[in-house]
């Protein structure tokens, strides 16, 4: 399966990563988001059940924002806004 990257109607870049298994969806997102201006939005479509955890962790550790996460009949849809690339530091 190859990556499909297109402009979504809402101005988001669509990454159709259905059929790819862990860790490929998050690696493809990381490649696409690299160098993006802060606030640039990406919509990831993935069928890998671990993508939800991987993408959330990627956003938290790399300074991006997971705006939404939905599942529709086995297809996850994740909207991610590019951040500055600096993760937030959480203190206990």
N, C-alpha and C. Protein backbone atom coordinates (compact mmCIF):
# COMPACT_ATOMS: atom_id res chain seq x y z
N UNK A 1 0.84 -1.19 0.00
CA UNK A 1 0.00 0.00 0.00
C UNK A 1 0.88 1.24 0.00
N UNK A 2 0.55 2.19 -0.80
CA UNK A 2 1.33 3.41 -0.84
C UNK A 2 0.59 4.55 -0.16
N UNK A 3 1.32 5.52 0.25
CA UNK A 3 0.75 6.68 0.94
C UNK A 3 0.06 7.58 -0.08
N UNK A 4 -1.14 8.00 0.26
CA UNK A 4 -1.83 8.99 -0.55
C UNK A 4 -1.83 10.28 0.24
N UNK A 5 -1.32 11.33 -0.37
CA UNK A 5 -1.29 12.64 0.29
C UNK A 5 -2.05 13.60 -0.60
N UNK A 6 -3.09 14.19 -0.08
CA UNK A 6 -3.92 15.10 -0.87
C UNK A 6 -4.39 16.23 0.02
N UNK A 7 -4.89 17.27 -0.59
CA UNK A 7 -5.43 18.39 0.17
C UNK A 7 -6.89 18.10 0.48
N UNK A 8 -7.23 18.06 1.75
CA UNK A 8 -8.61 17.84 2.17
C UNK A 8 -9.39 19.14 1.99
N UNK A 9 -10.70 19.06 1.83
CA UNK A 9 -11.49 20.27 1.61
C UNK A 9 -11.33 21.33 2.69
N UNK A 10 -11.06 20.93 3.91
CA UNK A 10 -10.97 21.88 5.01
C UNK A 10 -9.58 22.52 5.14
N UNK A 11 -8.70 22.27 4.19
CA UNK A 11 -7.36 22.83 4.26
C UNK A 11 -6.37 21.93 4.98
N UNK A 12 -6.80 20.75 5.38
CA UNK A 12 -5.91 19.79 6.02
C UNK A 12 -5.21 18.97 4.95
N UNK A 13 -4.01 18.54 5.23
CA UNK A 13 -3.34 17.60 4.35
C UNK A 13 -3.79 16.21 4.75
N UNK A 14 -4.31 15.47 3.81
CA UNK A 14 -4.82 14.12 4.08
C UNK A 14 -3.74 13.09 3.85
N UNK A 15 -3.50 12.26 4.86
CA UNK A 15 -2.58 11.13 4.75
C UNK A 15 -3.41 9.85 4.86
N UNK A 16 -3.65 9.20 3.74
CA UNK A 16 -4.43 7.96 3.72
C UNK A 16 -3.47 6.81 3.91
N UNK A 17 -3.38 6.32 5.14
CA UNK A 17 -2.41 5.30 5.52
C UNK A 17 -3.09 3.97 5.87
N UNK A 18 -4.30 3.80 5.37
CA UNK A 18 -5.03 2.56 5.64
C UNK A 18 -4.24 1.37 5.07
N UNK A 19 -4.21 0.30 5.84
CA UNK A 19 -3.51 -0.90 5.42
C UNK A 19 -2.07 -1.00 5.90
N UNK A 20 -1.52 0.09 6.39
CA UNK A 20 -0.15 0.05 6.92
C UNK A 20 -0.19 -0.34 8.39
N UNK A 21 0.78 -1.14 8.81
CA UNK A 21 0.85 -1.60 10.19
C UNK A 21 1.90 -0.82 10.96
N UNK A 22 1.78 -0.88 12.29
CA UNK A 22 2.69 -0.23 13.22
C UNK A 22 4.12 -0.63 12.88
N UNK A 23 5.00 0.32 12.84
CA UNK A 23 4.92 1.73 13.21
C UNK A 23 4.74 2.67 12.01
N UNK A 24 4.40 2.13 10.85
CA UNK A 24 4.40 2.93 9.63
C UNK A 24 3.48 4.16 9.65
N UNK A 25 2.23 4.08 10.17
CA UNK A 25 1.41 5.29 10.15
C UNK A 25 2.05 6.48 10.87
N UNK A 26 2.60 6.25 12.04
CA UNK A 26 3.21 7.37 12.78
C UNK A 26 4.51 7.82 12.13
N UNK A 27 5.25 6.90 11.52
CA UNK A 27 6.47 7.30 10.82
C UNK A 27 6.16 8.14 9.59
N UNK A 28 5.10 7.80 8.88
CA UNK A 28 4.69 8.59 7.71
C UNK A 28 4.18 9.97 8.14
N UNK A 29 3.45 10.02 9.27
CA UNK A 29 3.02 11.31 9.80
C UNK A 29 4.23 12.16 10.16
N UNK A 30 5.21 11.55 10.84
CA UNK A 30 6.42 12.27 11.25
C UNK A 30 7.14 12.85 10.04
N UNK A 31 7.22 12.08 8.97
CA UNK A 31 7.88 12.55 7.75
C UNK A 31 7.11 13.71 7.13
N UNK A 32 5.78 13.61 7.10
CA UNK A 32 4.95 14.65 6.49
C UNK A 32 4.97 15.95 7.30
N UNK A 33 5.01 15.82 8.62
CA UNK A 33 4.90 17.00 9.49
C UNK A 33 6.24 17.72 9.66
N UNK A 34 7.32 17.02 9.35
CA UNK A 34 8.67 17.60 9.50
C UNK A 34 8.77 18.87 8.66
N UNK A 35 9.11 19.96 9.27
CA UNK A 35 9.29 21.22 8.57
C UNK A 35 8.01 21.99 8.31
N UNK A 36 6.86 21.45 8.73
CA UNK A 36 5.58 22.15 8.53
C UNK A 36 5.49 23.35 9.47
N UNK A 37 4.84 24.38 9.00
CA UNK A 37 4.65 25.57 9.84
C UNK A 37 3.74 25.23 11.01
N UNK A 38 3.99 25.80 12.19
CA UNK A 38 3.10 25.55 13.32
C UNK A 38 1.66 25.87 12.95
N UNK A 39 0.76 24.97 13.35
CA UNK A 39 -0.66 25.14 13.07
C UNK A 39 -1.12 24.41 11.82
N UNK A 40 -0.18 23.98 10.96
CA UNK A 40 -0.55 23.21 9.78
C UNK A 40 -1.24 21.93 10.23
N UNK A 41 -2.37 21.62 9.60
CA UNK A 41 -3.15 20.46 10.03
C UNK A 41 -3.01 19.28 9.06
N UNK A 42 -2.97 18.10 9.67
CA UNK A 42 -2.89 16.85 8.93
C UNK A 42 -4.03 15.95 9.41
N UNK A 43 -4.71 15.31 8.47
CA UNK A 43 -5.72 14.30 8.82
C UNK A 43 -5.14 12.96 8.39
N UNK A 44 -4.97 12.06 9.37
CA UNK A 44 -4.43 10.73 9.13
C UNK A 44 -5.57 9.73 9.17
N UNK A 45 -5.67 8.90 8.14
CA UNK A 45 -6.61 7.79 8.13
C UNK A 45 -5.79 6.52 8.25
N UNK A 46 -6.11 5.67 9.23
CA UNK A 46 -5.34 4.46 9.47
C UNK A 46 -6.23 3.34 9.98
N UNK A 47 -5.92 2.12 9.55
CA UNK A 47 -6.66 0.95 10.02
C UNK A 47 -5.91 0.20 11.12
N UNK A 48 -4.66 0.55 11.36
CA UNK A 48 -3.88 -0.09 12.41
C UNK A 48 -4.42 0.31 13.77
N UNK A 49 -4.86 -0.66 14.58
CA UNK A 49 -5.44 -0.30 15.88
C UNK A 49 -4.46 0.39 16.83
N UNK A 50 -3.17 0.21 16.64
CA UNK A 50 -2.19 0.86 17.51
C UNK A 50 -1.91 2.30 17.10
N UNK A 51 -2.42 2.73 15.96
CA UNK A 51 -2.18 4.10 15.50
C UNK A 51 -2.70 5.12 16.50
N UNK A 52 -3.81 4.83 17.15
CA UNK A 52 -4.37 5.78 18.13
C UNK A 52 -3.36 6.06 19.24
N UNK A 53 -2.75 5.04 19.77
CA UNK A 53 -1.75 5.21 20.83
C UNK A 53 -0.48 5.85 20.29
N UNK A 54 -0.03 5.37 19.14
CA UNK A 54 1.22 5.87 18.57
C UNK A 54 1.13 7.35 18.22
N UNK A 55 0.03 7.77 17.60
CA UNK A 55 -0.11 9.16 17.19
C UNK A 55 -0.25 10.07 18.40
N UNK A 56 -1.03 9.65 19.40
CA UNK A 56 -1.17 10.44 20.63
C UNK A 56 0.19 10.62 21.31
N UNK A 57 0.96 9.55 21.41
CA UNK A 57 2.28 9.61 22.04
C UNK A 57 3.23 10.47 21.22
N UNK A 58 3.20 10.33 19.92
CA UNK A 58 4.03 11.15 19.03
C UNK A 58 3.75 12.64 19.26
N UNK A 59 2.48 12.99 19.30
CA UNK A 59 2.12 14.40 19.50
C UNK A 59 2.60 14.91 20.85
N UNK A 60 2.40 14.13 21.88
CA UNK A 60 2.79 14.54 23.23
C UNK A 60 4.30 14.71 23.35
N UNK A 61 5.05 13.81 22.75
CA UNK A 61 6.50 13.86 22.92
C UNK A 61 7.22 14.77 21.94
N UNK A 62 6.57 15.12 20.84
CA UNK A 62 7.22 15.94 19.81
C UNK A 62 6.67 17.36 19.71
N UNK A 63 5.72 17.72 20.58
CA UNK A 63 5.25 19.09 20.61
C UNK A 63 4.16 19.43 19.61
N UNK A 64 3.45 18.42 19.11
CA UNK A 64 2.34 18.65 18.19
C UNK A 64 1.03 18.49 18.96
N UNK A 65 -0.10 18.84 18.35
CA UNK A 65 -1.39 18.78 19.03
C UNK A 65 -2.31 17.81 18.31
N UNK A 66 -2.81 16.82 19.06
CA UNK A 66 -3.82 15.92 18.54
C UNK A 66 -5.16 16.59 18.77
N UNK A 67 -5.77 17.07 17.69
CA UNK A 67 -7.01 17.83 17.79
C UNK A 67 -8.21 16.92 17.93
N UNK A 68 -8.23 15.84 17.17
CA UNK A 68 -9.35 14.90 17.28
C UNK A 68 -8.90 13.50 16.91
N UNK A 69 -9.62 12.54 17.45
CA UNK A 69 -9.36 11.13 17.20
C UNK A 69 -10.70 10.43 17.16
N UNK A 70 -11.02 9.82 16.03
CA UNK A 70 -12.31 9.14 15.86
C UNK A 70 -12.09 7.78 15.20
N UNK A 71 -13.01 6.88 15.43
CA UNK A 71 -12.99 5.58 14.77
C UNK A 71 -14.33 5.37 14.07
N UNK A 72 -14.26 5.03 12.80
CA UNK A 72 -15.47 4.77 12.03
C UNK A 72 -15.34 3.42 11.36
N UNK A 73 -15.92 2.40 11.99
CA UNK A 73 -15.94 1.04 11.44
C UNK A 73 -14.53 0.53 11.14
N UNK A 74 -13.62 0.73 12.09
CA UNK A 74 -12.27 0.20 11.95
C UNK A 74 -11.27 1.12 11.27
N UNK A 75 -11.72 2.29 10.84
CA UNK A 75 -10.80 3.27 10.25
C UNK A 75 -10.67 4.44 11.20
N UNK A 76 -9.47 4.63 11.72
CA UNK A 76 -9.21 5.74 12.61
C UNK A 76 -8.94 7.00 11.81
N UNK A 77 -9.45 8.12 12.31
CA UNK A 77 -9.23 9.42 11.70
C UNK A 77 -8.66 10.33 12.78
N UNK A 78 -7.47 10.85 12.53
CA UNK A 78 -6.76 11.65 13.53
C UNK A 78 -6.37 12.99 12.91
N UNK A 79 -6.74 14.08 13.56
CA UNK A 79 -6.36 15.40 13.08
C UNK A 79 -5.26 15.92 14.00
N UNK A 80 -4.13 16.25 13.39
CA UNK A 80 -2.95 16.69 14.12
C UNK A 80 -2.54 18.06 13.61
N UNK A 81 -2.27 18.98 14.54
CA UNK A 81 -1.74 20.29 14.18
C UNK A 81 -0.25 20.30 14.50
N UNK A 82 0.53 20.72 13.54
CA UNK A 82 1.98 20.81 13.75
C UNK A 82 2.27 21.84 14.83
N UNK A 83 3.19 21.48 15.68
CA UNK A 83 3.62 22.40 16.73
C UNK A 83 4.98 22.96 16.39
N UNK A 84 5.67 23.39 17.41
CA UNK A 84 7.00 23.97 17.22
C UNK A 84 8.08 22.90 17.22
N UNK A 85 7.68 21.67 17.53
CA UNK A 85 8.65 20.60 17.60
C UNK A 85 9.25 20.46 18.97
N UNK A 86 8.84 21.31 19.91
CA UNK A 86 9.34 21.24 21.28
C UNK A 86 8.25 20.66 22.17
N UNK A 87 8.49 19.49 22.75
CA UNK A 87 7.46 18.90 23.60
C UNK A 87 7.26 19.70 24.88
N UNK A 88 6.04 19.62 25.38
CA UNK A 88 5.75 20.26 26.66
C UNK A 88 6.41 19.44 27.76
N UNK A 89 6.87 20.13 28.76
CA UNK A 89 7.49 19.45 29.90
C UNK A 89 6.46 19.43 31.02
N UNK A 90 6.09 18.22 31.40
CA UNK A 90 5.11 18.06 32.47
C UNK A 90 5.85 17.81 33.77
N UNK A 91 5.53 18.58 34.78
CA UNK A 91 6.16 18.38 36.08
C UNK A 91 5.15 17.69 37.00
N UNK A 92 5.68 16.85 37.84
CA UNK A 92 4.82 16.11 38.79
C UNK A 92 4.74 16.83 40.10
